[in-house]
Amino acid sequence: MDLFDNNKKRKSAGFNILSGDSTDGHGGYGAGTLSLDNMTPIFVDPEENDAFIDMGALHARSEVEKRVKFLPNKEEVPEGAKLYWLVWVTTDHNSEGKPYYAGVTACEMTVNKEKRRGYKSLPEHVNNMDKSLKRRHVLDKMDDPSKKILAAFLKGFNEEMWKNSEESLHKALLAE
């Protein structure tokens, strides 16, 4: 191997996703990277009346997504596809230092495991991850039964965080 071969492609720093404090205060390499330490992907399955965490979704490798080719048009997915909501939940501490659900955004996903085809909008998923990190709530596309499942899950997972969360989140998930 020639260490001085300049014809080889070099890896660029590009976009990094790291855990932990990437800058450590120095502002050098790694400054401006994105930490997903406080983000959790939650799947809401309205058909099964269930919600569950699958950390593999952070890199599109959840059990729901494995072995499925995602198509850009919902109409192209074979009949019998199951609806899921992938919810990006970001946690933080409020001004009083109490933990709360800061950002909560939902993205639609349909999957037909038998046919190994599904639908999801990758730009929507990326944008909603960003909005969750920016402490926003985007739940308007979610159906009411799914919202109630998510509210029950969040409350059951950590009631203190639920109580400390903004009233707008409670209203968005529990509105009749």
N, C-alpha and C. Protein backbone atom coordinates (compact mmCIF):
# COMPACT_ATOMS: atom_id res chain seq x y z
N MET A 1 0.85 -1.18 0.00
CA MET A 1 0.00 0.00 0.00
C MET A 1 0.89 1.23 0.00
N ASP A 2 0.60 2.15 -0.91
CA ASP A 2 1.39 3.37 -1.04
C ASP A 2 0.72 4.48 -0.23
N LEU A 3 1.35 4.90 0.84
CA LEU A 3 0.79 5.95 1.68
C LEU A 3 0.81 7.31 1.02
N PHE A 4 1.59 7.45 -0.03
CA PHE A 4 1.74 8.73 -0.69
C PHE A 4 0.97 8.80 -2.01
N ASP A 5 0.13 7.82 -2.27
CA ASP A 5 -0.64 7.80 -3.51
C ASP A 5 -1.74 8.86 -3.42
N ASN A 6 -1.58 9.93 -4.16
CA ASN A 6 -2.52 11.05 -4.13
C ASN A 6 -3.73 10.85 -5.04
N ASN A 7 -3.77 9.76 -5.77
CA ASN A 7 -4.87 9.53 -6.69
C ASN A 7 -6.08 8.89 -6.01
N LYS A 8 -5.94 8.49 -4.77
CA LYS A 8 -7.04 7.85 -4.05
C LYS A 8 -8.04 8.91 -3.61
N LYS A 9 -9.30 8.51 -3.59
CA LYS A 9 -10.34 9.42 -3.13
C LYS A 9 -10.20 9.64 -1.63
N ARG A 10 -10.37 10.87 -1.22
CA ARG A 10 -10.31 11.20 0.20
C ARG A 10 -11.70 11.30 0.76
N LYS A 11 -11.82 10.88 1.99
CA LYS A 11 -13.11 11.03 2.67
C LYS A 11 -13.24 12.47 3.11
N SER A 12 -14.43 13.04 2.87
CA SER A 12 -14.65 14.40 3.34
C SER A 12 -15.27 14.34 4.72
N ALA A 13 -15.14 15.42 5.47
CA ALA A 13 -15.73 15.48 6.80
C ALA A 13 -17.24 15.38 6.70
N GLY A 14 -17.83 16.02 5.69
CA GLY A 14 -19.25 15.92 5.43
C GLY A 14 -20.12 16.19 6.63
N PHE A 15 -21.21 15.45 6.71
CA PHE A 15 -22.19 15.63 7.78
C PHE A 15 -21.99 14.51 8.79
N ASN A 16 -21.77 14.86 10.03
CA ASN A 16 -21.54 13.88 11.08
C ASN A 16 -22.70 13.85 12.06
N ILE A 17 -23.07 12.66 12.46
CA ILE A 17 -24.03 12.50 13.54
C ILE A 17 -23.27 11.79 14.65
N LEU A 18 -23.12 12.46 15.77
CA LEU A 18 -22.34 11.92 16.88
C LEU A 18 -23.17 11.89 18.13
N SER A 19 -22.74 11.07 19.05
CA SER A 19 -23.36 11.11 20.37
C SER A 19 -22.38 11.74 21.34
N GLY A 20 -22.89 12.24 22.43
CA GLY A 20 -22.03 12.92 23.38
C GLY A 20 -21.77 14.35 22.93
N ASP A 21 -20.98 15.09 23.69
CA ASP A 21 -20.65 16.47 23.34
C ASP A 21 -19.55 16.46 22.30
N SER A 22 -19.92 16.73 21.05
CA SER A 22 -18.97 16.63 19.96
C SER A 22 -17.94 17.75 19.96
N THR A 23 -18.29 18.89 20.48
CA THR A 23 -17.35 20.01 20.41
C THR A 23 -16.46 20.09 21.63
N ASP A 24 -16.96 19.62 22.75
CA ASP A 24 -16.18 19.63 23.99
C ASP A 24 -15.61 21.01 24.28
N GLY A 25 -16.25 22.04 23.71
CA GLY A 25 -15.82 23.41 23.98
C GLY A 25 -14.72 23.93 23.10
N HIS A 26 -14.11 23.07 22.28
CA HIS A 26 -12.95 23.53 21.50
C HIS A 26 -13.31 24.18 20.18
N GLY A 27 -14.45 23.86 19.59
CA GLY A 27 -14.88 24.49 18.36
C GLY A 27 -14.12 24.05 17.13
N GLY A 28 -13.31 23.03 17.23
CA GLY A 28 -12.52 22.53 16.10
C GLY A 28 -13.27 21.49 15.32
N TYR A 29 -12.57 20.38 14.97
CA TYR A 29 -13.20 19.32 14.20
C TYR A 29 -14.41 18.79 14.95
N GLY A 30 -15.49 18.63 14.27
CA GLY A 30 -16.71 18.14 14.89
C GLY A 30 -17.65 19.26 15.31
N ALA A 31 -17.18 20.50 15.26
CA ALA A 31 -18.06 21.61 15.61
C ALA A 31 -19.17 21.68 14.58
N GLY A 32 -20.37 21.87 15.02
CA GLY A 32 -21.50 21.94 14.10
C GLY A 32 -22.10 20.59 13.79
N THR A 33 -21.65 19.54 14.45
CA THR A 33 -22.25 18.24 14.23
C THR A 33 -23.54 18.13 15.03
N LEU A 34 -24.30 17.13 14.73
CA LEU A 34 -25.62 16.97 15.29
C LEU A 34 -25.62 15.82 16.29
N SER A 35 -26.10 16.06 17.48
CA SER A 35 -26.20 15.01 18.49
C SER A 35 -27.66 14.56 18.59
N LEU A 36 -27.85 13.26 18.52
CA LEU A 36 -29.19 12.69 18.64
C LEU A 36 -29.38 12.00 19.98
N ASP A 37 -28.55 12.36 20.95
CA ASP A 37 -28.62 11.74 22.27
C ASP A 37 -29.98 11.90 22.94
N ASN A 38 -30.66 12.99 22.71
CA ASN A 38 -31.93 13.26 23.38
C ASN A 38 -33.13 12.98 22.50
N MET A 39 -32.93 12.27 21.40
CA MET A 39 -34.03 11.96 20.49
C MET A 39 -34.33 10.47 20.53
N THR A 40 -35.62 10.15 20.55
CA THR A 40 -36.06 8.76 20.56
C THR A 40 -37.14 8.57 19.50
N PRO A 41 -36.98 7.55 18.64
CA PRO A 41 -38.04 7.24 17.67
C PRO A 41 -39.07 6.29 18.29
N ILE A 42 -40.32 6.68 18.20
CA ILE A 42 -41.41 5.86 18.72
C ILE A 42 -42.34 5.53 17.56
N PHE A 43 -42.66 4.25 17.41
CA PHE A 43 -43.62 3.82 16.40
C PHE A 43 -44.99 3.70 17.06
N VAL A 44 -45.98 4.26 16.39
CA VAL A 44 -47.37 4.10 16.82
C VAL A 44 -48.05 3.20 15.79
N ASP A 45 -48.61 2.11 16.28
CA ASP A 45 -49.30 1.14 15.44
C ASP A 45 -50.79 1.18 15.79
N PRO A 46 -51.57 1.99 15.04
CA PRO A 46 -52.99 2.14 15.39
C PRO A 46 -53.80 0.85 15.23
N GLU A 47 -53.38 -0.03 14.32
CA GLU A 47 -54.09 -1.29 14.11
C GLU A 47 -54.01 -2.19 15.35
N GLU A 48 -52.84 -2.19 15.99
CA GLU A 48 -52.63 -3.01 17.18
C GLU A 48 -52.86 -2.22 18.47
N ASN A 49 -53.20 -0.93 18.34
CA ASN A 49 -53.40 -0.05 19.50
C ASN A 49 -52.15 -0.08 20.39
N ASP A 50 -50.98 0.10 19.76
CA ASP A 50 -49.71 -0.06 20.46
C ASP A 50 -48.72 1.03 20.05
N ALA A 51 -47.77 1.27 20.92
CA ALA A 51 -46.65 2.17 20.63
C ALA A 51 -45.39 1.51 21.20
N PHE A 52 -44.27 1.65 20.49
CA PHE A 52 -43.03 1.04 20.94
C PHE A 52 -41.84 1.84 20.42
N ILE A 53 -40.74 1.71 21.15
CA ILE A 53 -39.49 2.38 20.78
C ILE A 53 -38.65 1.42 19.96
N ASP A 54 -38.06 1.93 18.88
CA ASP A 54 -37.10 1.16 18.11
C ASP A 54 -35.99 2.11 17.69
N MET A 55 -34.87 2.06 18.41
CA MET A 55 -33.76 2.98 18.16
C MET A 55 -33.15 2.81 16.77
N GLY A 56 -33.38 1.68 16.12
CA GLY A 56 -32.88 1.46 14.77
C GLY A 56 -33.44 2.46 13.77
N ALA A 57 -34.57 3.06 14.09
CA ALA A 57 -35.20 4.04 13.18
C ALA A 57 -34.34 5.28 12.99
N LEU A 58 -33.44 5.57 13.94
CA LEU A 58 -32.56 6.73 13.78
C LEU A 58 -31.74 6.64 12.50
N HIS A 59 -31.48 5.40 12.06
CA HIS A 59 -30.69 5.19 10.85
C HIS A 59 -31.47 4.37 9.82
N ALA A 60 -32.80 4.43 9.90
CA ALA A 60 -33.71 3.73 8.98
C ALA A 60 -33.46 2.22 9.01
N ARG A 61 -33.18 1.68 10.20
CA ARG A 61 -32.94 0.25 10.34
C ARG A 61 -33.81 -0.37 11.44
N SER A 62 -35.02 0.13 11.57
CA SER A 62 -35.94 -0.43 12.56
C SER A 62 -36.48 -1.75 12.04
N GLU A 63 -37.11 -2.51 12.94
CA GLU A 63 -37.73 -3.78 12.53
C GLU A 63 -38.83 -3.54 11.49
N VAL A 64 -39.55 -2.44 11.63
CA VAL A 64 -40.60 -2.11 10.68
C VAL A 64 -40.01 -1.86 9.29
N GLU A 65 -38.84 -1.25 9.23
CA GLU A 65 -38.24 -0.84 7.96
C GLU A 65 -37.36 -1.92 7.31
N LYS A 66 -36.90 -2.89 8.09
CA LYS A 66 -35.99 -3.90 7.56
C LYS A 66 -36.65 -4.72 6.45
N ARG A 67 -35.86 -4.99 5.41
CA ARG A 67 -36.28 -5.82 4.27
C ARG A 67 -37.48 -5.24 3.52
N VAL A 68 -37.62 -3.91 3.56
CA VAL A 68 -38.71 -3.25 2.85
C VAL A 68 -38.12 -2.20 1.92
N LYS A 69 -38.56 -2.22 0.67
CA LYS A 69 -38.15 -1.18 -0.28
C LYS A 69 -39.22 -0.09 -0.21
N PHE A 70 -38.78 1.13 0.10
CA PHE A 70 -39.73 2.23 0.23
C PHE A 70 -39.86 2.96 -1.09
N LEU A 71 -41.10 3.19 -1.45
CA LEU A 71 -41.43 3.86 -2.69
C LEU A 71 -41.84 5.30 -2.39
N PRO A 72 -41.60 6.20 -3.33
CA PRO A 72 -41.91 7.62 -3.07
C PRO A 72 -43.39 7.96 -3.19
N ASN A 73 -44.20 7.09 -3.81
CA ASN A 73 -45.63 7.35 -3.98
C ASN A 73 -46.46 6.35 -3.20
N LYS A 74 -47.34 6.85 -2.38
CA LYS A 74 -48.19 6.00 -1.54
C LYS A 74 -49.05 5.06 -2.38
N GLU A 75 -49.47 5.53 -3.56
CA GLU A 75 -50.35 4.74 -4.42
C GLU A 75 -49.67 3.51 -4.99
N GLU A 76 -48.34 3.48 -5.04
CA GLU A 76 -47.60 2.35 -5.60
C GLU A 76 -47.45 1.19 -4.63
N VAL A 77 -47.73 1.43 -3.36
CA VAL A 77 -47.59 0.38 -2.36
C VAL A 77 -48.74 -0.62 -2.52
N PRO A 78 -48.44 -1.92 -2.57
CA PRO A 78 -49.50 -2.93 -2.73
C PRO A 78 -50.53 -2.84 -1.62
N GLU A 79 -51.75 -3.26 -1.95
CA GLU A 79 -52.84 -3.24 -0.96
C GLU A 79 -52.46 -4.12 0.22
N GLY A 80 -53.05 -3.79 1.36
CA GLY A 80 -52.77 -4.55 2.56
C GLY A 80 -51.64 -3.96 3.39
N ALA A 81 -51.18 -2.77 2.99
CA ALA A 81 -50.10 -2.13 3.74
C ALA A 81 -50.63 -1.64 5.09
N LYS A 82 -49.78 -1.78 6.08
CA LYS A 82 -50.13 -1.40 7.45
C LYS A 82 -49.63 0.00 7.74
N LEU A 83 -50.47 0.79 8.40
CA LEU A 83 -50.11 2.17 8.75
C LEU A 83 -49.32 2.20 10.05
N TYR A 84 -48.23 2.95 10.04
CA TYR A 84 -47.47 3.25 11.24
C TYR A 84 -47.24 4.76 11.26
N TRP A 85 -47.07 5.29 12.44
CA TRP A 85 -46.61 6.66 12.61
C TRP A 85 -45.26 6.59 13.28
N LEU A 86 -44.25 7.14 12.64
CA LEU A 86 -42.93 7.24 13.25
C LEU A 86 -42.86 8.61 13.91
N VAL A 87 -42.72 8.62 15.22
CA VAL A 87 -42.75 9.85 15.99
C VAL A 87 -41.36 10.12 16.54
N TRP A 88 -40.85 11.31 16.23
CA TRP A 88 -39.54 11.73 16.74
C TRP A 88 -39.78 12.53 18.02
N VAL A 89 -39.27 12.03 19.13
CA VAL A 89 -39.46 12.68 20.43
C VAL A 89 -38.10 13.15 20.96
N THR A 90 -38.00 14.44 21.20
CA THR A 90 -36.79 15.02 21.77
C THR A 90 -37.09 15.45 23.20
N THR A 91 -36.20 15.08 24.11
CA THR A 91 -36.37 15.45 25.51
C THR A 91 -35.37 16.54 25.87
N ASP A 92 -35.72 17.31 26.88
CA ASP A 92 -34.85 18.40 27.33
C ASP A 92 -35.25 18.74 28.77
N HIS A 93 -34.59 19.75 29.31
CA HIS A 93 -34.94 20.26 30.64
C HIS A 93 -35.51 21.67 30.46
N ASN A 94 -36.61 21.95 31.14
CA ASN A 94 -37.22 23.27 31.03
C ASN A 94 -36.45 24.30 31.86
N SER A 95 -36.95 25.51 31.91
CA SER A 95 -36.26 26.60 32.62
C SER A 95 -36.12 26.33 34.11
N GLU A 96 -36.96 25.44 34.64
CA GLU A 96 -36.87 25.08 36.05
C GLU A 96 -35.96 23.88 36.28
N GLY A 97 -35.36 23.37 35.19
CA GLY A 97 -34.46 22.23 35.29
C GLY A 97 -35.16 20.88 35.31
N LYS A 98 -36.46 20.86 35.01
CA LYS A 98 -37.21 19.61 35.02
C LYS A 98 -37.26 19.00 33.62
N PRO A 99 -37.14 17.68 33.52
CA PRO A 99 -37.17 17.03 32.20
C PRO A 99 -38.58 17.06 31.60
N TYR A 100 -38.64 17.20 30.28
CA TYR A 100 -39.93 17.21 29.60
C TYR A 100 -39.78 16.77 28.15
N TYR A 101 -40.92 16.45 27.52
CA TYR A 101 -40.95 16.12 26.10
C TYR A 101 -40.96 17.43 25.34
N ALA A 102 -39.82 17.80 24.78
CA ALA A 102 -39.65 19.12 24.18
C ALA A 102 -40.16 19.19 22.74
N GLY A 103 -39.74 18.25 21.91
CA GLY A 103 -40.14 18.24 20.51
C GLY A 103 -40.79 16.91 20.17
N VAL A 104 -41.95 16.96 19.52
CA VAL A 104 -42.67 15.74 19.16
C VAL A 104 -43.24 15.94 17.75
N THR A 105 -42.76 15.14 16.81
CA THR A 105 -43.23 15.25 15.43
C THR A 105 -43.55 13.86 14.89
N ALA A 106 -44.56 13.77 14.03
CA ALA A 106 -45.01 12.47 13.52
C ALA A 106 -44.94 12.42 12.00
N CYS A 107 -44.51 11.25 11.49
CA CYS A 107 -44.43 11.01 10.05
C CYS A 107 -45.20 9.73 9.72
N GLU A 108 -45.94 9.78 8.64
CA GLU A 108 -46.70 8.60 8.20
C GLU A 108 -45.77 7.61 7.49
N MET A 109 -46.06 6.34 7.70
CA MET A 109 -45.32 5.28 7.03
C MET A 109 -46.29 4.12 6.82
N THR A 110 -46.33 3.57 5.61
CA THR A 110 -47.14 2.38 5.37
C THR A 110 -46.21 1.27 4.91
N VAL A 111 -46.48 0.05 5.38
CA VAL A 111 -45.59 -1.07 5.10
C VAL A 111 -46.41 -2.32 4.80
N ASN A 112 -46.08 -2.98 3.70
CA ASN A 112 -46.62 -4.28 3.37
C ASN A 112 -45.44 -5.25 3.47
N LYS A 113 -45.29 -5.91 4.63
CA LYS A 113 -44.16 -6.81 4.88
C LYS A 113 -44.17 -8.00 3.93
N GLU A 114 -45.35 -8.51 3.61
CA GLU A 114 -45.46 -9.67 2.74
C GLU A 114 -44.90 -9.36 1.34
N LYS A 115 -45.24 -8.21 0.82
CA LYS A 115 -44.76 -7.79 -0.51
C LYS A 115 -43.43 -7.05 -0.44
N ARG A 116 -42.98 -6.75 0.78
CA ARG A 116 -41.70 -6.06 1.02
C ARG A 116 -41.65 -4.69 0.34
N ARG A 117 -42.77 -3.99 0.41
CA ARG A 117 -42.86 -2.64 -0.14
C ARG A 117 -43.52 -1.73 0.88
N GLY A 118 -43.17 -0.46 0.81
CA GLY A 118 -43.75 0.48 1.73
C GLY A 118 -43.64 1.90 1.20
N TYR A 119 -44.23 2.81 1.95
CA TYR A 119 -44.17 4.23 1.60
C TYR A 119 -43.70 5.02 2.80
N LYS A 120 -42.78 5.93 2.54
CA LYS A 120 -42.43 6.97 3.49
C LYS A 120 -41.79 8.09 2.70
N SER A 121 -41.96 9.29 3.19
CA SER A 121 -41.37 10.46 2.54
C SER A 121 -40.09 10.79 3.30
N LEU A 122 -38.95 10.45 2.72
CA LEU A 122 -37.68 10.70 3.38
C LEU A 122 -37.48 12.18 3.71
N PRO A 123 -37.80 13.11 2.80
CA PRO A 123 -37.67 14.52 3.17
C PRO A 123 -38.53 14.90 4.37
N GLU A 124 -39.74 14.35 4.46
CA GLU A 124 -40.61 14.64 5.60
C GLU A 124 -39.98 14.11 6.89
N HIS A 125 -39.41 12.92 6.84
CA HIS A 125 -38.78 12.33 8.03
C HIS A 125 -37.61 13.19 8.49
N VAL A 126 -36.77 13.61 7.56
CA VAL A 126 -35.62 14.44 7.91
C VAL A 126 -36.07 15.79 8.46
N ASN A 127 -37.03 16.41 7.80
CA ASN A 127 -37.53 17.71 8.26
C ASN A 127 -38.19 17.60 9.63
N ASN A 128 -38.92 16.52 9.87
CA ASN A 128 -39.57 16.37 11.16
C ASN A 128 -38.57 16.03 12.27
N MET A 129 -37.50 15.32 11.94
CA MET A 129 -36.43 15.11 12.93
C MET A 129 -35.87 16.48 13.33
N ASP A 130 -35.62 17.31 12.34
CA ASP A 130 -35.07 18.65 12.59
C ASP A 130 -36.04 19.47 13.44
N LYS A 131 -37.32 19.42 13.11
CA LYS A 131 -38.32 20.19 13.87
C LYS A 131 -38.42 19.69 15.31
N SER A 132 -38.29 18.39 15.50
CA SER A 132 -38.31 17.85 16.86
C SER A 132 -37.10 18.35 17.64
N LEU A 133 -35.93 18.33 17.00
CA LEU A 133 -34.72 18.84 17.66
C LEU A 133 -34.84 20.32 18.00
N LYS A 134 -35.65 21.04 17.22
CA LYS A 134 -35.86 22.48 17.45
C LYS A 134 -37.04 22.74 18.40
N ARG A 135 -37.48 21.68 19.08
CA ARG A 135 -38.50 21.78 20.14
C ARG A 135 -39.88 22.17 19.61
N ARG A 136 -40.24 21.64 18.46
CA ARG A 136 -41.56 21.93 17.89
C ARG A 136 -42.45 20.70 17.98
N HIS A 137 -43.74 20.94 17.83
CA HIS A 137 -44.73 19.87 17.81
C HIS A 137 -45.39 19.87 16.44
N VAL A 138 -45.27 18.77 15.70
CA VAL A 138 -45.92 18.63 14.40
C VAL A 138 -46.70 17.33 14.44
N LEU A 139 -47.98 17.45 14.77
CA LEU A 139 -48.83 16.27 14.94
C LEU A 139 -50.14 16.39 14.18
N ASP A 140 -50.26 17.41 13.33
CA ASP A 140 -51.53 17.70 12.67
C ASP A 140 -51.98 16.63 11.68
N LYS A 141 -51.06 15.85 11.10
CA LYS A 141 -51.45 14.83 10.12
C LYS A 141 -51.90 13.53 10.79
N MET A 142 -51.56 13.38 12.05
CA MET A 142 -51.87 12.15 12.79
C MET A 142 -53.37 12.05 13.08
N ASP A 143 -53.92 10.83 12.96
CA ASP A 143 -55.33 10.63 13.29
C ASP A 143 -55.51 10.62 14.80
N ASP A 144 -56.74 10.92 15.26
CA ASP A 144 -57.01 11.04 16.70
C ASP A 144 -56.73 9.77 17.50
N PRO A 145 -57.13 8.57 17.01
CA PRO A 145 -56.82 7.36 17.79
C PRO A 145 -55.30 7.18 17.98
N SER A 146 -54.51 7.49 16.96
CA SER A 146 -53.06 7.37 17.06
C SER A 146 -52.49 8.38 18.05
N LYS A 147 -53.07 9.58 18.07
CA LYS A 147 -52.63 10.60 19.03
C LYS A 147 -52.86 10.14 20.46
N LYS A 148 -54.00 9.50 20.68
CA LYS A 148 -54.32 9.02 22.03
C LYS A 148 -53.37 7.90 22.45
N ILE A 149 -53.02 7.03 21.51
CA ILE A 149 -52.05 5.96 21.79
C ILE A 149 -50.71 6.57 22.18
N LEU A 150 -50.28 7.58 21.42
CA LEU A 150 -49.01 8.24 21.70
C LEU A 150 -49.05 8.95 23.06
N ALA A 151 -50.14 9.64 23.35
CA ALA A 151 -50.26 10.34 24.63
C ALA A 151 -50.18 9.35 25.79
N ALA A 152 -50.87 8.23 25.67
CA ALA A 152 -50.84 7.21 26.73
C ALA A 152 -49.43 6.64 26.88
N PHE A 153 -48.75 6.43 25.77
CA PHE A 153 -47.38 5.90 25.83
C PHE A 153 -46.44 6.88 26.52
N LEU A 154 -46.49 8.14 26.11
CA LEU A 154 -45.60 9.15 26.69
C LEU A 154 -45.87 9.32 28.18
N LYS A 155 -47.13 9.34 28.54
CA LYS A 155 -47.49 9.49 29.95
C LYS A 155 -47.04 8.26 30.74
N GLY A 156 -47.27 7.08 30.20
CA GLY A 156 -46.88 5.84 30.87
C GLY A 156 -45.38 5.65 30.95
N PHE A 157 -44.67 6.14 29.95
CA PHE A 157 -43.21 5.99 29.92
C PHE A 157 -42.57 6.81 31.03
N ASN A 158 -43.02 8.06 31.20
CA ASN A 158 -42.47 8.91 32.25
C ASN A 158 -43.50 9.99 32.56
N GLU A 159 -44.27 9.75 33.60
CA GLU A 159 -45.37 10.67 33.95
C GLU A 159 -44.85 12.06 34.33
N GLU A 160 -43.70 12.13 34.97
CA GLU A 160 -43.13 13.43 35.35
C GLU A 160 -42.81 14.26 34.10
N MET A 161 -42.20 13.62 33.10
CA MET A 161 -41.89 14.34 31.86
C MET A 161 -43.17 14.80 31.17
N TRP A 162 -44.20 13.97 31.22
CA TRP A 162 -45.49 14.33 30.62
C TRP A 162 -46.07 15.55 31.33
N LYS A 163 -46.05 15.55 32.66
CA LYS A 163 -46.58 16.67 33.43
C LYS A 163 -45.80 17.96 33.18
N ASN A 164 -44.49 17.83 32.98
CA ASN A 164 -43.64 19.00 32.76
C ASN A 164 -43.70 19.52 31.32
N SER A 165 -44.30 18.76 30.42
CA SER A 165 -44.37 19.15 29.02
C SER A 165 -45.33 20.32 28.83
N GLU A 166 -45.15 21.01 27.72
CA GLU A 166 -45.98 22.18 27.43
C GLU A 166 -47.44 21.79 27.25
N GLU A 167 -48.30 22.69 27.63
CA GLU A 167 -49.74 22.46 27.50
C GLU A 167 -50.14 22.26 26.03
N SER A 168 -49.41 22.89 25.12
CA SER A 168 -49.72 22.75 23.69
C SER A 168 -49.56 21.29 23.23
N LEU A 169 -48.62 20.56 23.81
CA LEU A 169 -48.45 19.14 23.48
C LEU A 169 -49.64 18.35 23.99
N HIS A 170 -50.04 18.61 25.21
CA HIS A 170 -51.20 17.92 25.79
C HIS A 170 -52.44 18.15 24.93
N LYS A 171 -52.67 19.41 24.53
CA LYS A 171 -53.83 19.75 23.71
C LYS A 171 -53.76 19.08 22.34
N ALA A 172 -52.58 19.06 21.74
CA ALA A 172 -52.42 18.48 20.41
C ALA A 172 -52.70 16.98 20.43
N LEU A 173 -52.36 16.30 21.52
CA LEU A 173 -52.54 14.85 21.59
C LEU A 173 -53.86 14.42 22.20
N LEU A 174 -54.45 15.26 23.03
CA LEU A 174 -55.66 14.85 23.73
C LEU A 174 -56.91 15.60 23.31
N ALA A 175 -56.82 16.40 22.25
CA ALA A 175 -57.99 17.17 21.78
C ALA A 175 -59.09 16.21 21.31
N GLU A 176 -60.28 16.54 21.67
CA GLU A 176 -61.43 15.70 21.29
C GLU A 176 -61.95 16.12 19.94
